[in-house]
Amino acid sequence: MEALLLPGLAPSAYTEVDEFINRSPHALKRFSEASSVIGYSLIDAFREAGDKDYEVKECAFLANSVALMDHYTDLFGSKPEFTIGPSFGVMGAAVSTQTLTYDEAVWLTYESAKVSKLFYNQLKGDYHTHFIYNLSLKEALSIVENFNSENKYLELVGYLEKVVCLCGPAAVISDLKDYLNNKPKCFSLHTMKQPIHSSCLKPLHQKLKKGLFNEIKFKPLRNTFISDVSGELINDPEEFKQSLLDGYDNPVRWDLVKKQIVNLELKDIYVVGPKNLFIQLLKNDVDTIEISPEKALDMLVET
């Protein structure tokens, strides 16, 4: 059995994918379609996007992901039995499973990102998300417990085996970095200046659930989705919608996804997206096939 994996924890900057966007016929088509949905040129907006232009960056990420899925279809023509979409990758998974059309996914990405931006601007407290390499889940939970015991709010928002994501107020994240500097074998990767997958986003989850997510109908899935929150197998459209919403305020748990992959005895996983750590996370368990912008460009040259 096969699966399609759409990574989403690290949206690409324009300079990292500009050649793919402007040379791939699939990318040009998907960006044009997205531009029609949002009402302006997504390529131009992506080129000029700033750090907080979430709606532009997330739509561009979706357009690139779906364009790469188009290249995957050209190459392999197969229909995997399972789809995995960690974090931002879930919207690409919505298109892959056909629970949403591409235009619907663009609209929902764009509008929900605008709502999220307003929520972030009004959120009390300056929350950051810090990524750490080579920290075990047990160690991460122990750090969270110790910090909270000192009234320093910290929470686990992502566990990807070799990479742990912790979220808290900026001052607490600063203390966390100091703590990690004295801890052997692990080191800090980078910090996002916003909360992701955090319990502080629960009001945003509820706002979207009662608002935008009621304006669109999720259709029956054409293949099974593996939840990045619980590892559960999802075939029902309402359950998929809820899993998407749960991703706002619950941690990404790759360990639970990995357990499901092993239980299902998946053999091949097509990793559709920018170069990322998921191939490394899977290399000892399944065969991975990379469908990245670089690979797609190489194939265009060959043809």
C-alpha atoms as a PDB file:
ATOM      1  CA  MET A   1       0.000   0.000   0.000  1.00  0.00           C
ATOM      2  CA  GLU A   2       1.062   3.574  -0.709  1.00  0.00           C
ATOM      3  CA  ALA A   3       0.593   7.013   0.821  1.00  0.00           C
ATOM      4  CA  LEU A   4       0.975  10.610  -0.270  1.00  0.00           C
ATOM      5  CA  LEU A   5       2.681  12.844   2.312  1.00  0.00           C
ATOM      6  CA  LEU A   6       2.269  16.611   2.099  1.00  0.00           C
ATOM      7  CA  PRO A   7       4.674  18.242   4.585  1.00  0.00           C
ATOM      8  CA  GLY A   8       3.692  21.605   5.984  1.00  0.00           C
ATOM      9  CA  LEU A   9       5.816  22.685   8.923  1.00  0.00           C
ATOM     10  CA  ALA A  10       8.136  24.915   6.912  1.00  0.00           C
ATOM     11  CA  PRO A  11       6.471  27.078   4.247  1.00  0.00           C
ATOM     12  CA  SER A  12       8.940  28.158   1.566  1.00  0.00           C
ATOM     13  CA  ALA A  13      10.082  31.690   0.856  1.00  0.00           C
ATOM     14  CA  TYR A  14       9.598  32.986  -2.682  1.00  0.00           C
ATOM     15  CA  THR A  15      13.334  32.905  -3.440  1.00  0.00           C
ATOM     16  CA  GLU A  16      13.450  29.186  -2.617  1.00  0.00           C
ATOM     17  CA  VAL A  17      10.781  28.217  -5.153  1.00  0.00           C
ATOM     18  CA  ASP A  18      10.707  31.050  -7.694  1.00  0.00           C
ATOM     19  CA  GLU A  19      12.264  28.969 -10.479  1.00  0.00           C
ATOM     20  CA  PHE A  20       9.684  26.223  -9.981  1.00  0.00           C
ATOM     21  CA  ILE A  21       6.793  28.711  -9.876  1.00  0.00           C
ATOM     22  CA  ASN A  22       7.838  30.395 -13.110  1.00  0.00           C
ATOM     23  CA  ARG A  23       8.926  27.327 -15.090  1.00  0.00           C
ATOM     24  CA  SER A  24       6.505  24.599 -14.104  1.00  0.00           C
ATOM     25  CA  PRO A  25       3.337  24.641 -16.240  1.00  0.00           C
ATOM     26  CA  HIS A  26       1.451  23.083 -13.324  1.00  0.00           C
ATOM     27  CA  ALA A  27       2.652  25.785 -10.907  1.00  0.00           C
ATOM     28  CA  LEU A  28       1.745  28.568 -13.343  1.00  0.00           C
ATOM     29  CA  LYS A  29      -1.720  27.046 -13.743  1.00  0.00           C
ATOM     30  CA  ARG A  30      -2.307  26.604  -9.997  1.00  0.00           C
ATOM     31  CA  PHE A  31      -1.088  30.118  -9.159  1.00  0.00           C
ATOM     32  CA  SER A  32      -3.335  31.532 -11.895  1.00  0.00           C
ATOM     33  CA  GLU A  33      -6.338  29.627 -10.535  1.00  0.00           C
ATOM     34  CA  ALA A  34      -5.577  30.788  -6.989  1.00  0.00           C
ATOM     35  CA  SER A  35      -5.240  34.388  -8.221  1.00  0.00           C
ATOM     36  CA  SER A  36      -8.765  34.179  -9.634  1.00  0.00           C
ATOM     37  CA  VAL A  37     -10.055  33.069  -6.229  1.00  0.00           C
ATOM     38  CA  ILE A  38      -8.324  35.744  -4.129  1.00  0.00           C
ATOM     39  CA  GLY A  39      -8.718  38.577  -6.663  1.00  0.00           C
ATOM     40  CA  TYR A  40      -5.087  39.530  -7.321  1.00  0.00           C
ATOM     41  CA  SER A  41      -1.831  38.022  -8.594  1.00  0.00           C
ATOM     42  CA  LEU A  42      -0.651  35.457  -6.053  1.00  0.00           C
ATOM     43  CA  ILE A  43       2.804  35.278  -7.667  1.00  0.00           C
ATOM     44  CA  ASP A  44       3.314  39.056  -7.380  1.00  0.00           C
ATOM     45  CA  ALA A  45       1.990  39.113  -3.807  1.00  0.00           C
ATOM     46  CA  PHE A  46       4.173  36.140  -2.814  1.00  0.00           C
ATOM     47  CA  ARG A  47       7.255  37.841  -4.266  1.00  0.00           C
ATOM     48  CA  GLU A  48       6.660  40.903  -2.076  1.00  0.00           C
ATOM     49  CA  ALA A  49       5.196  39.151   0.992  1.00  0.00           C
ATOM     50  CA  GLY A  50       6.350  40.149   4.466  1.00  0.00           C
ATOM     51  CA  ASP A  51       6.571  38.024   7.605  1.00  0.00           C
ATOM     52  CA  LYS A  52       2.942  38.574   8.564  1.00  0.00           C
ATOM     53  CA  ASP A  53       1.326  38.156   5.163  1.00  0.00           C
ATOM     54  CA  TYR A  54       0.025  34.767   6.269  1.00  0.00           C
ATOM     55  CA  GLU A  55      -2.795  34.585   3.725  1.00  0.00           C
ATOM     56  CA  VAL A  56      -0.373  35.068   0.833  1.00  0.00           C
ATOM     57  CA  LYS A  57       2.280  32.658   2.073  1.00  0.00           C
ATOM     58  CA  GLU A  58      -0.183  29.920   2.948  1.00  0.00           C
ATOM     59  CA  CYS A  59      -1.993  30.198  -0.402  1.00  0.00           C
ATOM     60  CA  ALA A  60       1.358  30.097  -2.215  1.00  0.00           C
ATOM     61  CA  PHE A  61       2.371  27.028  -0.222  1.00  0.00           C
ATOM     62  CA  LEU A  62      -0.898  25.343  -1.149  1.00  0.00           C
ATOM     63  CA  ALA A  63      -0.487  26.260  -4.834  1.00  0.00           C
ATOM     64  CA  ASN A  64       3.019  24.800  -4.892  1.00  0.00           C
ATOM     65  CA  SER A  65       1.878  21.649  -3.063  1.00  0.00           C
ATOM     66  CA  VAL A  66      -0.966  20.999  -5.493  1.00  0.00           C
ATOM     67  CA  ALA A  67       1.271  21.746  -8.491  1.00  0.00           C
ATOM     68  CA  LEU A  68       3.707  19.130  -7.207  1.00  0.00           C
ATOM     69  CA  MET A  69       0.788  16.698  -6.836  1.00  0.00           C
ATOM     70  CA  ASP A  70       0.057  17.364 -10.517  1.00  0.00           C
ATOM     71  CA  HIS A  71       3.662  16.444 -11.354  1.00  0.00           C
ATOM     72  CA  TYR A  72       3.259  13.320  -9.215  1.00  0.00           C
ATOM     73  CA  THR A  73       0.185  12.325 -11.238  1.00  0.00           C
ATOM     74  CA  ASP A  74       2.104  12.871 -14.489  1.00  0.00           C
ATOM     75  CA  LEU A  75       4.920  10.648 -13.276  1.00  0.00           C
ATOM     76  CA  PHE A  76       3.123   7.836 -11.503  1.00  0.00           C
ATOM     77  CA  GLY A  77      -0.578   8.120 -12.261  1.00  0.00           C
ATOM     78  CA  SER A  78      -1.360   6.070  -9.168  1.00  0.00           C
ATOM     79  CA  LYS A  79      -3.949   6.812  -6.511  1.00  0.00           C
ATOM     80  CA  PRO A  80      -2.468   6.135  -3.056  1.00  0.00           C
ATOM     81  CA  GLU A  81      -4.745   4.547  -0.502  1.00  0.00           C
ATOM     82  CA  PHE A  82      -3.691   7.019   2.222  1.00  0.00           C
ATOM     83  CA  THR A  83      -2.891  10.728   2.549  1.00  0.00           C
ATOM     84  CA  ILE A  84      -0.876  12.399   5.318  1.00  0.00           C
ATOM     85  CA  GLY A  85      -0.775  16.192   5.756  1.00  0.00           C
ATOM     86  CA  PRO A  86       1.070  17.376   8.861  1.00  0.00           C
ATOM     87  CA  SER A  87       0.456  20.963   9.986  1.00  0.00           C
ATOM     88  CA  PHE A  88      -0.002  23.350   7.000  1.00  0.00           C
ATOM     89  CA  GLY A  89       0.032  20.299   4.717  1.00  0.00           C
ATOM     90  CA  VAL A  90      -3.545  19.461   5.690  1.00  0.00           C
ATOM     91  CA  MET A  91      -5.026  21.782   3.051  1.00  0.00           C
ATOM     92  CA  GLY A  92      -3.089  19.976   0.352  1.00  0.00           C
ATOM     93  CA  ALA A  93      -4.428  16.759   1.854  1.00  0.00           C
ATOM     94  CA  ALA A  94      -7.960  18.160   1.537  1.00  0.00           C
ATOM     95  CA  VAL A  95      -7.377  18.541  -2.206  1.00  0.00           C
ATOM     96  CA  SER A  96      -5.680  15.157  -2.512  1.00  0.00           C
ATOM     97  CA  THR A  97      -8.569  13.351  -0.806  1.00  0.00           C
ATOM     98  CA  GLN A  98     -11.037  15.490  -2.822  1.00  0.00           C
ATOM     99  CA  THR A  99     -12.974  16.481   0.269  1.00  0.00           C
ATOM    100  CA  LEU A 100     -12.439  20.034  -1.051  1.00  0.00           C
ATOM    101  CA  THR A 101     -11.861  21.254  -4.578  1.00  0.00           C
ATOM    102  CA  TYR A 102      -8.697  23.246  -5.188  1.00  0.00           C
ATOM    103  CA  ASP A 103     -10.663  26.512  -5.436  1.00  0.00           C
ATOM    104  CA  GLU A 104     -12.456  25.734  -2.165  1.00  0.00           C
ATOM    105  CA  ALA A 105      -9.162  24.959  -0.438  1.00  0.00           C
ATOM    106  CA  VAL A 106      -7.634  28.221  -1.686  1.00  0.00           C
ATOM    107  CA  TRP A 107     -10.659  30.199  -0.490  1.00  0.00           C
ATOM    108  CA  LEU A 108     -10.647  28.548   2.935  1.00  0.00           C
ATOM    109  CA  THR A 109      -6.870  28.969   3.294  1.00  0.00           C
ATOM    110  CA  TYR A 110      -7.059  32.639   2.339  1.00  0.00           C
ATOM    111  CA  GLU A 111     -10.045  33.573   4.483  1.00  0.00           C
ATOM    112  CA  SER A 112      -8.986  31.577   7.544  1.00  0.00           C
ATOM    113  CA  ALA A 113      -5.486  33.082   7.364  1.00  0.00           C
ATOM    114  CA  LYS A 114      -7.023  36.572   7.431  1.00  0.00           C
ATOM    115  CA  VAL A 115      -9.073  35.627  10.480  1.00  0.00           C
ATOM    116  CA  SER A 116      -5.955  34.142  12.082  1.00  0.00           C
ATOM    117  CA  LYS A 117      -3.939  37.303  11.405  1.00  0.00           C
ATOM    118  CA  LEU A 118      -6.563  39.437  13.145  1.00  0.00           C
ATOM    119  CA  PHE A 119      -6.627  36.978  16.056  1.00  0.00           C
ATOM    120  CA  TYR A 120      -2.818  37.075  16.390  1.00  0.00           C
ATOM    121  CA  ASN A 121      -2.875  40.884  16.394  1.00  0.00           C
ATOM    122  CA  GLN A 122      -5.413  40.891  19.231  1.00  0.00           C
ATOM    123  CA  LEU A 123      -3.870  38.024  21.210  1.00  0.00           C
ATOM    124  CA  LYS A 124      -2.720  39.090  24.640  1.00  0.00           C
ATOM    125  CA  GLY A 125       0.914  38.174  25.126  1.00  0.00           C
ATOM    126  CA  ASP A 126       3.815  37.768  22.716  1.00  0.00           C
ATOM    127  CA  TYR A 127       3.960  34.023  22.005  1.00  0.00           C
ATOM    128  CA  HIS A 128       6.809  32.330  20.165  1.00  0.00           C
ATOM    129  CA  THR A 129       7.324  28.763  18.930  1.00  0.00           C
ATOM    130  CA  HIS A 130      10.809  27.284  19.276  1.00  0.00           C
ATOM    131  CA  PHE A 131      12.150  24.314  17.302  1.00  0.00           C
ATOM    132  CA  ILE A 132      14.724  22.051  18.968  1.00  0.00           C
ATOM    133  CA  TYR A 133      16.780  19.236  17.439  1.00  0.00           C
ATOM    134  CA  ASN A 134      17.606  15.944  19.144  1.00  0.00           C
ATOM    135  CA  LEU A 135      15.359  16.240  22.189  1.00  0.00           C
ATOM    136  CA  SER A 136      13.285  13.200  23.148  1.00  0.00           C
ATOM    137  CA  LEU A 137       9.578  13.405  23.910  1.00  0.00           C
ATOM    138  CA  LYS A 138      10.281  12.412  27.518  1.00  0.00           C
ATOM    139  CA  GLU A 139      12.888  15.163  27.877  1.00  0.00           C
ATOM    140  CA  ALA A 140      10.596  17.725  26.255  1.00  0.00           C
ATOM    141  CA  LEU A 141       7.699  16.905  28.567  1.00  0.00           C
ATOM    142  CA  SER A 142      10.043  17.077  31.567  1.00  0.00           C
ATOM    143  CA  ILE A 143      11.220  20.552  30.505  1.00  0.00           C
ATOM    144  CA  VAL A 144       7.623  21.683  30.044  1.00  0.00           C
ATOM    145  CA  GLU A 145       6.720  20.381  33.506  1.00  0.00           C
ATOM    146  CA  ASN A 146       9.728  22.065  35.143  1.00  0.00           C
ATOM    147  CA  PHE A 147       9.094  25.425  33.477  1.00  0.00           C
ATOM    148  CA  ASN A 148       5.404  25.367  34.378  1.00  0.00           C
ATOM    149  CA  SER A 149       6.271  24.524  37.989  1.00  0.00           C
ATOM    150  CA  GLU A 150       8.199  27.822  38.021  1.00  0.00           C
ATOM    151  CA  ASN A 151       5.148  29.677  36.607  1.00  0.00           C
ATOM    152  CA  LYS A 152       6.812  29.905  33.190  1.00  0.00           C
ATOM    153  CA  TYR A 153       4.123  28.864  30.724  1.00  0.00           C
ATOM    154  CA  LEU A 154       5.442  26.396  28.163  1.00  0.00           C
ATOM    155  CA  GLU A 155       3.728  23.676  26.114  1.00  0.00           C
ATOM    156  CA  LEU A 156       4.551  20.981  23.601  1.00  0.00           C
ATOM    157  CA  VAL A 157       3.073  21.889  20.197  1.00  0.00           C
ATOM    158  CA  GLY A 158       4.892  19.437  17.959  1.00  0.00           C
ATOM    159  CA  TYR A 159       6.865  16.222  18.209  1.00  0.00           C
ATOM    160  CA  LEU A 160       8.625  14.918  15.096  1.00  0.00           C
ATOM    161  CA  GLU A 161      11.104  12.473  16.633  1.00  0.00           C
ATOM    162  CA  LYS A 162      14.292  14.439  15.998  1.00  0.00           C
ATOM    163  CA  VAL A 163      12.552  17.822  16.194  1.00  0.00           C
ATOM    164  CA  VAL A 164      10.464  19.118  19.093  1.00  0.00           C
ATOM    165  CA  CYS A 165       8.382  22.308  18.993  1.00  0.00           C
ATOM    166  CA  LEU A 166       7.664  24.199  22.220  1.00  0.00           C
ATOM    167  CA  CYS A 167       5.508  27.305  22.562  1.00  0.00           C
ATOM    168  CA  GLY A 168       5.318  29.998  25.208  1.00  0.00           C
ATOM    169  CA  PRO A 169       5.646  33.733  25.860  1.00  0.00           C
ATOM    170  CA  ALA A 170       8.726  35.322  24.280  1.00  0.00           C
ATOM    171  CA  ALA A 171      10.423  35.807  27.653  1.00  0.00           C
ATOM    172  CA  VAL A 172       9.926  32.129  28.513  1.00  0.00           C
ATOM    173  CA  ILE A 173      11.279  31.036  25.124  1.00  0.00           C
ATOM    174  CA  SER A 174      14.328  33.207  25.795  1.00  0.00           C
ATOM    175  CA  ASP A 175      14.833  31.375  29.102  1.00  0.00           C
ATOM    176  CA  LEU A 176      14.343  28.083  27.284  1.00  0.00           C
ATOM    177  CA  LYS A 177      17.126  28.927  24.837  1.00  0.00           C
ATOM    178  CA  ASP A 178      19.468  29.723  27.732  1.00  0.00           C
ATOM    179  CA  TYR A 179      18.564  26.399  29.323  1.00  0.00           C
ATOM    180  CA  LEU A 180      19.185  24.482  26.098  1.00  0.00           C
ATOM    181  CA  ASN A 181      22.574  26.131  25.623  1.00  0.00           C
ATOM    182  CA  ASN A 182      23.719  24.212  28.693  1.00  0.00           C
ATOM    183  CA  LYS A 183      22.097  20.921  27.705  1.00  0.00           C
ATOM    184  CA  PRO A 184      24.352  18.496  25.806  1.00  0.00           C
ATOM    185  CA  LYS A 185      23.501  16.786  22.504  1.00  0.00           C
ATOM    186  CA  CYS A 186      20.489  18.943  21.605  1.00  0.00           C
ATOM    187  CA  PHE A 187      20.446  22.397  20.061  1.00  0.00           C
ATOM    188  CA  SER A 188      18.072  25.142  18.982  1.00  0.00           C
ATOM    189  CA  LEU A 189      17.032  25.318  15.329  1.00  0.00           C
ATOM    190  CA  HIS A 190      14.893  28.421  14.915  1.00  0.00           C
ATOM    191  CA  THR A 191      12.043  30.416  16.441  1.00  0.00           C
ATOM    192  CA  MET A 192       8.733  31.445  14.895  1.00  0.00           C
ATOM    193  CA  LYS A 193       7.402  34.697  16.309  1.00  0.00           C
ATOM    194  CA  GLN A 194       3.875  33.349  16.631  1.00  0.00           C
ATOM    195  CA  PRO A 195       2.118  30.425  18.327  1.00  0.00           C
ATOM    196  CA  ILE A 196       1.280  27.341  16.273  1.00  0.00           C
ATOM    197  CA  HIS A 197      -0.723  24.261  17.317  1.00  0.00           C
ATOM    198  CA  SER A 198      -1.034  25.873  20.748  1.00  0.00           C
ATOM    199  CA  SER A 199      -3.810  25.764  23.335  1.00  0.00           C
ATOM    200  CA  CYS A 200      -3.779  29.573  23.305  1.00  0.00           C
ATOM    201  CA  LEU A 201      -5.348  29.271  19.829  1.00  0.00           C
ATOM    202  CA  LYS A 202      -8.442  27.453  21.071  1.00  0.00           C
ATOM    203  CA  PRO A 203     -10.608  30.597  20.722  1.00  0.00           C
ATOM    204  CA  LEU A 204      -9.403  30.834  17.095  1.00  0.00           C
ATOM    205  CA  HIS A 205     -10.374  27.182  16.562  1.00  0.00           C
ATOM    206  CA  GLN A 206     -13.874  27.889  17.879  1.00  0.00           C
ATOM    207  CA  LYS A 207     -14.238  31.111  15.876  1.00  0.00           C
ATOM    208  CA  LEU A 208     -13.349  29.334  12.626  1.00  0.00           C
ATOM    209  CA  LYS A 209     -15.565  26.351  13.461  1.00  0.00           C
ATOM    210  CA  LYS A 210     -18.600  28.565  14.020  1.00  0.00           C
ATOM    211  CA  GLY A 211     -17.799  30.845  11.087  1.00  0.00           C
ATOM    212  CA  LEU A 212     -15.869  30.080   7.901  1.00  0.00           C
ATOM    213  CA  PHE A 213     -15.919  26.308   8.270  1.00  0.00           C
ATOM    214  CA  ASN A 214     -19.710  26.389   8.251  1.00  0.00           C
ATOM    215  CA  GLU A 215     -19.704  28.164   4.899  1.00  0.00           C
ATOM    216  CA  ILE A 216     -18.164  25.287   2.983  1.00  0.00           C
ATOM    217  CA  LYS A 217     -19.231  21.660   2.578  1.00  0.00           C
ATOM    218  CA  PHE A 218     -16.612  18.959   2.973  1.00  0.00           C
ATOM    219  CA  LYS A 219     -17.297  16.048   0.618  1.00  0.00           C
ATOM    220  CA  PRO A 220     -16.700  12.283   1.115  1.00  0.00           C
ATOM    221  CA  LEU A 221     -12.985  11.461   1.024  1.00  0.00           C
ATOM    222  CA  ARG A 222     -11.664   9.474  -1.959  1.00  0.00           C
ATOM    223  CA  ASN A 223      -8.895   7.939   0.168  1.00  0.00           C
ATOM    224  CA  THR A 224      -8.090   7.653   3.860  1.00  0.00           C
ATOM    225  CA  PHE A 225      -6.489  10.502   5.794  1.00  0.00           C
ATOM    226  CA  ILE A 226      -4.086   9.813   8.679  1.00  0.00           C
ATOM    227  CA  SER A 227      -4.576  12.531  11.306  1.00  0.00           C
ATOM    228  CA  ASP A 228      -1.420  14.384  12.334  1.00  0.00           C
ATOM    229  CA  VAL A 229      -3.046  15.136  15.711  1.00  0.00           C
ATOM    230  CA  SER A 230      -4.155  11.654  16.766  1.00  0.00           C
ATOM    231  CA  GLY A 231      -2.819   9.220  14.176  1.00  0.00           C
ATOM    232  CA  GLU A 232      -6.407   8.061  13.601  1.00  0.00           C
ATOM    233  CA  LEU A 233      -7.697   6.915  10.218  1.00  0.00           C
ATOM    234  CA  ILE A 234     -10.296   9.338   8.853  1.00  0.00           C
ATOM    235  CA  ASN A 235     -12.770   8.715   6.037  1.00  0.00           C
ATOM    236  CA  ASP A 236     -15.724  10.842   7.152  1.00  0.00           C
ATOM    237  CA  PRO A 237     -15.770  14.458   5.847  1.00  0.00           C
ATOM    238  CA  GLU A 238     -16.987  15.911   9.150  1.00  0.00           C
ATOM    239  CA  GLU A 239     -14.224  14.075  10.999  1.00  0.00           C
ATOM    240  CA  PHE A 240     -11.697  15.446   8.505  1.00  0.00           C
ATOM    241  CA  LYS A 241     -12.995  18.977   9.072  1.00  0.00           C
ATOM    242  CA  GLN A 242     -12.722  18.506  12.831  1.00  0.00           C
ATOM    243  CA  SER A 243      -9.187  17.123  12.510  1.00  0.00           C
ATOM    244  CA  LEU A 244      -8.233  20.187  10.464  1.00  0.00           C
ATOM    245  CA  LEU A 245      -9.650  22.451  13.171  1.00  0.00           C
ATOM    246  CA  ASP A 246      -7.993  20.415  15.942  1.00  0.00           C
ATOM    247  CA  GLY A 247      -4.660  21.193  14.327  1.00  0.00           C
ATOM    248  CA  TYR A 248      -4.986  24.823  15.396  1.00  0.00           C
ATOM    249  CA  ASP A 249      -4.732  24.111  19.122  1.00  0.00           C
ATOM    250  CA  ASN A 250      -3.291  20.598  19.432  1.00  0.00           C
ATOM    251  CA  PRO A 251       0.280  19.423  18.881  1.00  0.00           C
ATOM    252  CA  VAL A 252       1.452  17.671  15.734  1.00  0.00           C
ATOM    253  CA  ARG A 253       2.259  14.119  16.850  1.00  0.00           C
ATOM    254  CA  TRP A 254       4.401  12.440  14.227  1.00  0.00           C
ATOM    255  CA  ASP A 255       5.026   9.535  16.602  1.00  0.00           C
ATOM    256  CA  LEU A 256       1.321   8.636  16.399  1.00  0.00           C
ATOM    257  CA  VAL A 257       1.352   8.981  12.597  1.00  0.00           C
ATOM    258  CA  LYS A 258       4.474   6.803  12.401  1.00  0.00           C
ATOM    259  CA  LYS A 259       2.808   4.145  14.556  1.00  0.00           C
ATOM    260  CA  GLN A 260      -0.126   4.068  12.152  1.00  0.00           C
ATOM    261  CA  ILE A 261       2.212   3.825   9.153  1.00  0.00           C
ATOM    262  CA  VAL A 262       3.867   0.780  10.720  1.00  0.00           C
ATOM    263  CA  ASN A 263       0.502  -0.771  11.679  1.00  0.00           C
ATOM    264  CA  LEU A 264      -0.757  -0.369   8.096  1.00  0.00           C
ATOM    265  CA  GLU A 265       2.466  -1.844   6.705  1.00  0.00           C
ATOM    266  CA  LEU A 266       2.748   0.949   4.154  1.00  0.00           C
ATOM    267  CA  LYS A 267       5.497   0.238   1.637  1.00  0.00           C
ATOM    268  CA  ASP A 268       5.926   3.427  -0.408  1.00  0.00           C
ATOM    269  CA  ILE A 269       5.377   7.047   0.633  1.00  0.00           C
ATOM    270  CA  TYR A 270       5.539   9.843  -1.925  1.00  0.00           C
ATOM    271  CA  VAL A 271       6.778  12.992  -0.165  1.00  0.00           C
ATOM    272  CA  VAL A 272       5.306  15.899  -2.121  1.00  0.00           C
ATOM    273  CA  GLY A 273       6.783  19.252  -1.125  1.00  0.00           C
ATOM    274  CA  PRO A 274       9.987  21.185  -0.467  1.00  0.00           C
ATOM    275  CA  LYS A 275      13.023  19.344   0.872  1.00  0.00           C
ATOM    276  CA  ASN A 276      12.243  18.577   4.476  1.00  0.00           C
ATOM    277  CA  LEU A 277      12.900  16.322   7.421  1.00  0.00           C
ATOM    278  CA  PHE A 278      10.071  13.852   6.743  1.00  0.00           C
ATOM    279  CA  ILE A 279      12.157  11.788   4.331  1.00  0.00           C
ATOM    280  CA  GLN A 280      14.748  11.441   7.086  1.00  0.00           C
ATOM    281  CA  LEU A 281      12.050  10.470   9.591  1.00  0.00           C
ATOM    282  CA  LEU A 282      10.761   7.712   7.321  1.00  0.00           C
ATOM    283  CA  LYS A 283      13.889   6.346   5.648  1.00  0.00           C
ATOM    284  CA  ASN A 284      14.332   3.406   8.029  1.00  0.00           C
ATOM    285  CA  ASP A 285      10.706   2.249   7.824  1.00  0.00           C
ATOM    286  CA  VAL A 286       9.445   2.677   4.256  1.00  0.00           C
ATOM    287  CA  ASP A 287      10.628   3.537   0.771  1.00  0.00           C
ATOM    288  CA  THR A 288      10.260   7.271   0.161  1.00  0.00           C
ATOM    289  CA  ILE A 289       9.970   8.929  -3.238  1.00  0.00           C
ATOM    290  CA  GLU A 290      10.753  12.654  -3.293  1.00  0.00           C
ATOM    291  CA  ILE A 291       8.555  14.938  -5.396  1.00  0.00           C
ATOM    292  CA  SER A 292      10.145  18.331  -4.661  1.00  0.00           C
ATOM    293  CA  PRO A 293      10.401  21.543  -6.714  1.00  0.00           C
ATOM    294  CA  GLU A 294      14.004  20.610  -7.522  1.00  0.00           C
ATOM    295  CA  LYS A 295      13.022  17.120  -8.700  1.00  0.00           C
ATOM    296  CA  ALA A 296      10.142  18.512 -10.768  1.00  0.00           C
ATOM    297  CA  LEU A 297      12.494  20.996 -12.469  1.00  0.00           C
ATOM    298  CA  ASP A 298      14.981  18.212 -13.214  1.00  0.00           C
ATOM    299  CA  MET A 299      12.188  16.239 -14.881  1.00  0.00           C
ATOM    300  CA  LEU A 300      11.223  19.280 -16.993  1.00  0.00           C
ATOM    301  CA  VAL A 301      14.826  19.484 -18.234  1.00  0.00           C
ATOM    302  CA  GLU A 302      14.858  15.773 -19.054  1.00  0.00           C
ATOM    303  CA  THR A 303      11.698  16.074 -21.134  1.00  0.00           C
END
